[in-house]
C-alpha cells in the first residue's frame, strides 16, 4: 500500500524535532453539491529543526515516532 503524501503549511515549531502542519483540502459535498474546505493538523517529525512557521512543506506517512507523530518531512516547497 502506498504511503500518504500531503502538502501543507507549518503553523508551529515549538517542540524539539517536531512541527505542526495544517493540510487543507477541498471536496464536493455529496448532497449539497458545493465545494467544502476542511483543515486538519498533523504532528510531523523534523529531525534538524530546520522549518519555521509559514514554510510550505511536503510530508509523508511513516512508522509511529511518538504517541501523536506519524509523519516525516519530505521536502521544502518554497
N, C-alpha and C. Protein backbone atom coordinates (compact mmCIF):
# COMPACT_ATOMS: atom_id res chain seq x y z
N UNK A 1 0.84 -1.18 0.00
CA UNK A 1 0.00 0.00 0.00
C UNK A 1 0.88 1.24 0.00
N UNK A 2 0.62 2.21 -0.87
CA UNK A 2 1.48 3.39 -0.93
C UNK A 2 1.32 4.28 0.30
N UNK A 3 2.40 4.99 0.60
CA UNK A 3 2.37 5.89 1.74
C UNK A 3 1.70 7.19 1.34
N UNK A 4 0.97 7.78 2.28
CA UNK A 4 0.26 9.02 2.04
C UNK A 4 1.24 10.18 2.00
N UNK A 5 1.17 11.00 0.95
CA UNK A 5 2.00 12.20 0.82
C UNK A 5 1.06 13.39 0.81
N UNK A 6 1.27 14.35 1.72
CA UNK A 6 0.42 15.52 1.84
C UNK A 6 1.27 16.78 1.76
N UNK A 7 0.62 17.89 1.43
CA UNK A 7 1.31 19.17 1.37
C UNK A 7 0.56 20.17 2.24
N UNK A 8 1.31 20.92 3.06
CA UNK A 8 0.67 21.87 3.95
C UNK A 8 1.61 22.96 4.41
N UNK A 9 1.13 23.76 5.35
CA UNK A 9 1.88 24.91 5.85
C UNK A 9 2.19 24.69 7.33
N UNK A 10 3.44 24.98 7.73
CA UNK A 10 3.86 24.85 9.12
C UNK A 10 3.21 25.97 9.94
N UNK A 11 2.54 25.59 11.03
CA UNK A 11 1.92 26.60 11.89
C UNK A 11 2.62 26.72 13.24
N UNK A 12 3.40 25.70 13.63
CA UNK A 12 4.11 25.76 14.90
C UNK A 12 5.38 24.92 14.82
N UNK A 13 6.45 25.44 15.46
CA UNK A 13 7.70 24.68 15.54
C UNK A 13 8.26 24.73 16.96
N UNK A 14 7.38 24.75 17.93
CA UNK A 14 7.81 24.93 19.32
C UNK A 14 8.41 23.68 19.95
N UNK A 15 8.00 22.50 19.50
CA UNK A 15 8.53 21.27 20.06
C UNK A 15 9.92 20.96 19.53
N UNK A 16 10.71 20.19 20.27
CA UNK A 16 12.03 19.79 19.82
C UNK A 16 11.88 18.68 18.78
N UNK A 17 12.41 18.89 17.59
CA UNK A 17 12.33 17.95 16.47
C UNK A 17 10.90 17.68 16.03
N UNK A 18 9.99 18.63 16.28
CA UNK A 18 8.59 18.47 15.92
C UNK A 18 8.05 19.76 15.32
N UNK A 19 7.16 19.62 14.35
CA UNK A 19 6.43 20.75 13.81
C UNK A 19 4.97 20.35 13.67
N UNK A 20 4.10 21.34 13.60
CA UNK A 20 2.69 21.09 13.35
C UNK A 20 2.36 21.67 11.98
N UNK A 21 1.75 20.84 11.14
CA UNK A 21 1.45 21.23 9.76
C UNK A 21 -0.07 21.18 9.56
N UNK A 22 -0.62 22.24 8.95
CA UNK A 22 -2.04 22.26 8.61
C UNK A 22 -2.18 21.91 7.13
N UNK A 23 -2.98 20.87 6.86
CA UNK A 23 -3.24 20.45 5.48
C UNK A 23 -4.69 20.80 5.18
N UNK A 24 -4.90 21.57 4.10
CA UNK A 24 -6.23 21.98 3.70
C UNK A 24 -6.63 21.23 2.44
N UNK A 25 -7.84 20.69 2.43
CA UNK A 25 -8.30 20.00 1.23
C UNK A 25 -9.70 20.48 0.86
N UNK A 26 -10.01 20.41 -0.42
CA UNK A 26 -11.32 20.81 -0.93
C UNK A 26 -11.99 19.60 -1.55
N UNK A 27 -13.29 19.47 -1.31
CA UNK A 27 -14.05 18.39 -1.93
C UNK A 27 -15.49 18.83 -2.12
N UNK A 28 -16.19 18.15 -2.99
CA UNK A 28 -17.57 18.49 -3.25
C UNK A 28 -18.47 17.70 -2.30
N UNK A 29 -19.36 18.42 -1.62
CA UNK A 29 -20.27 17.79 -0.68
C UNK A 29 -21.23 16.87 -1.45
N UNK A 30 -21.44 15.64 -0.96
CA UNK A 30 -22.25 14.70 -1.73
C UNK A 30 -23.72 15.09 -1.89
N UNK A 31 -24.30 15.77 -0.93
CA UNK A 31 -25.71 16.14 -1.00
C UNK A 31 -25.90 17.58 -1.48
N UNK A 32 -25.15 18.51 -0.88
CA UNK A 32 -25.33 19.92 -1.20
C UNK A 32 -24.68 20.33 -2.52
N UNK A 33 -23.76 19.54 -3.04
CA UNK A 33 -23.08 19.79 -4.30
C UNK A 33 -22.33 21.12 -4.32
N UNK A 34 -21.82 21.53 -3.18
CA UNK A 34 -20.97 22.72 -3.15
C UNK A 34 -19.59 22.34 -2.66
N UNK A 35 -18.60 23.15 -3.00
CA UNK A 35 -17.22 22.86 -2.61
C UNK A 35 -17.02 23.24 -1.16
N UNK A 36 -16.48 22.30 -0.38
CA UNK A 36 -16.27 22.49 1.04
C UNK A 36 -14.78 22.40 1.33
N UNK A 37 -14.28 23.31 2.18
CA UNK A 37 -12.87 23.28 2.60
C UNK A 37 -12.78 22.70 3.99
N UNK A 38 -11.82 21.80 4.19
CA UNK A 38 -11.56 21.29 5.54
C UNK A 38 -10.07 21.41 5.82
N UNK A 39 -9.74 21.58 7.10
CA UNK A 39 -8.35 21.66 7.53
C UNK A 39 -8.10 20.60 8.57
N UNK A 40 -6.89 20.03 8.55
CA UNK A 40 -6.51 19.05 9.56
C UNK A 40 -5.06 19.30 9.95
N UNK A 41 -4.79 19.19 11.25
CA UNK A 41 -3.43 19.38 11.76
C UNK A 41 -2.74 18.04 11.92
N UNK A 42 -1.48 18.00 11.52
CA UNK A 42 -0.66 16.80 11.69
C UNK A 42 0.60 17.17 12.47
N UNK A 43 1.00 16.31 13.40
CA UNK A 43 2.26 16.48 14.11
C UNK A 43 3.31 15.73 13.30
N UNK A 44 4.39 16.43 12.94
CA UNK A 44 5.37 15.92 11.98
C UNK A 44 6.76 15.94 12.60
N UNK A 45 7.56 14.90 12.29
CA UNK A 45 8.93 14.81 12.77
C UNK A 45 9.85 15.65 11.89
N UNK A 46 10.62 16.54 12.51
CA UNK A 46 11.58 17.41 11.81
C UNK A 46 12.93 17.20 12.48
N UNK A 47 13.74 16.31 11.93
CA UNK A 47 14.99 15.87 12.56
C UNK A 47 15.95 17.01 12.86
N UNK A 48 16.08 18.00 11.97
CA UNK A 48 17.09 19.06 12.13
C UNK A 48 16.54 20.38 12.66
N UNK A 49 15.28 20.43 13.04
CA UNK A 49 14.65 21.68 13.48
C UNK A 49 14.86 22.79 12.46
N UNK A 50 14.68 22.48 11.18
CA UNK A 50 15.02 23.43 10.12
C UNK A 50 13.83 24.20 9.55
N UNK A 51 12.61 23.92 10.00
CA UNK A 51 11.43 24.59 9.44
C UNK A 51 10.81 25.54 10.44
N UNK A 52 10.30 26.66 9.92
CA UNK A 52 9.68 27.69 10.75
C UNK A 52 8.23 27.87 10.33
N UNK A 53 7.48 28.59 11.15
CA UNK A 53 6.07 28.85 10.84
C UNK A 53 5.96 29.59 9.52
N UNK A 54 5.03 29.17 8.69
CA UNK A 54 4.81 29.80 7.39
C UNK A 54 5.45 29.06 6.23
N UNK A 55 6.36 28.13 6.50
CA UNK A 55 7.00 27.36 5.43
C UNK A 55 6.01 26.35 4.84
N UNK A 56 6.07 26.17 3.52
CA UNK A 56 5.25 25.18 2.84
C UNK A 56 6.08 23.90 2.72
N UNK A 57 5.55 22.78 3.24
CA UNK A 57 6.30 21.53 3.26
C UNK A 57 5.46 20.38 2.72
N UNK A 58 6.16 19.34 2.31
CA UNK A 58 5.54 18.10 1.87
C UNK A 58 5.86 17.06 2.94
N UNK A 59 4.85 16.30 3.38
CA UNK A 59 5.05 15.32 4.44
C UNK A 59 4.63 13.93 3.95
N UNK A 60 5.25 12.91 4.54
CA UNK A 60 4.96 11.53 4.14
C UNK A 60 4.69 10.69 5.38
N UNK A 61 3.78 9.75 5.23
CA UNK A 61 3.43 8.84 6.31
C UNK A 61 4.63 7.96 6.66
N UNK A 62 4.80 7.67 7.95
CA UNK A 62 5.92 6.82 8.37
C UNK A 62 5.47 5.99 9.57
N UNK A 63 6.39 5.18 10.07
CA UNK A 63 6.06 4.39 11.26
C UNK A 63 5.88 5.33 12.44
N UNK A 64 5.16 4.94 13.48
CA UNK A 64 4.96 5.82 14.63
C UNK A 64 6.27 6.22 15.29
N UNK A 65 6.45 7.54 15.47
CA UNK A 65 7.66 8.07 16.09
C UNK A 65 7.41 8.37 17.56
N UNK A 66 6.20 8.82 17.87
CA UNK A 66 5.79 9.06 19.25
C UNK A 66 4.29 8.81 19.32
N UNK A 67 3.67 9.22 20.40
CA UNK A 67 2.24 8.97 20.59
C UNK A 67 1.40 9.61 19.48
N UNK A 68 1.76 10.81 19.04
CA UNK A 68 0.96 11.52 18.03
C UNK A 68 1.65 11.69 16.69
N UNK A 69 2.96 11.51 16.61
CA UNK A 69 3.69 11.75 15.36
C UNK A 69 3.70 10.51 14.48
N UNK A 70 3.12 10.64 13.27
CA UNK A 70 3.07 9.54 12.30
C UNK A 70 3.55 9.98 10.93
N UNK A 71 4.11 11.19 10.82
CA UNK A 71 4.56 11.74 9.55
C UNK A 71 5.97 12.29 9.67
N UNK A 72 6.69 12.34 8.54
CA UNK A 72 8.02 12.95 8.45
C UNK A 72 8.01 13.97 7.33
N UNK A 73 8.90 14.96 7.41
CA UNK A 73 9.02 15.97 6.36
C UNK A 73 9.80 15.35 5.18
N UNK A 74 9.27 15.53 3.97
CA UNK A 74 9.95 15.04 2.77
C UNK A 74 10.84 16.14 2.20
N UNK A 75 10.23 17.31 1.94
CA UNK A 75 10.99 18.41 1.35
C UNK A 75 10.28 19.72 1.56
N UNK A 76 11.01 20.78 1.28
CA UNK A 76 10.52 22.14 1.40
C UNK A 76 9.91 22.56 0.06
N UNK A 77 8.78 23.24 0.07
CA UNK A 77 8.12 23.66 -1.17
C UNK A 77 8.13 25.18 -1.32
N UNK A 78 9.29 25.78 -1.27
CA UNK A 78 9.36 27.26 -1.34
C UNK A 78 9.17 27.77 -2.70
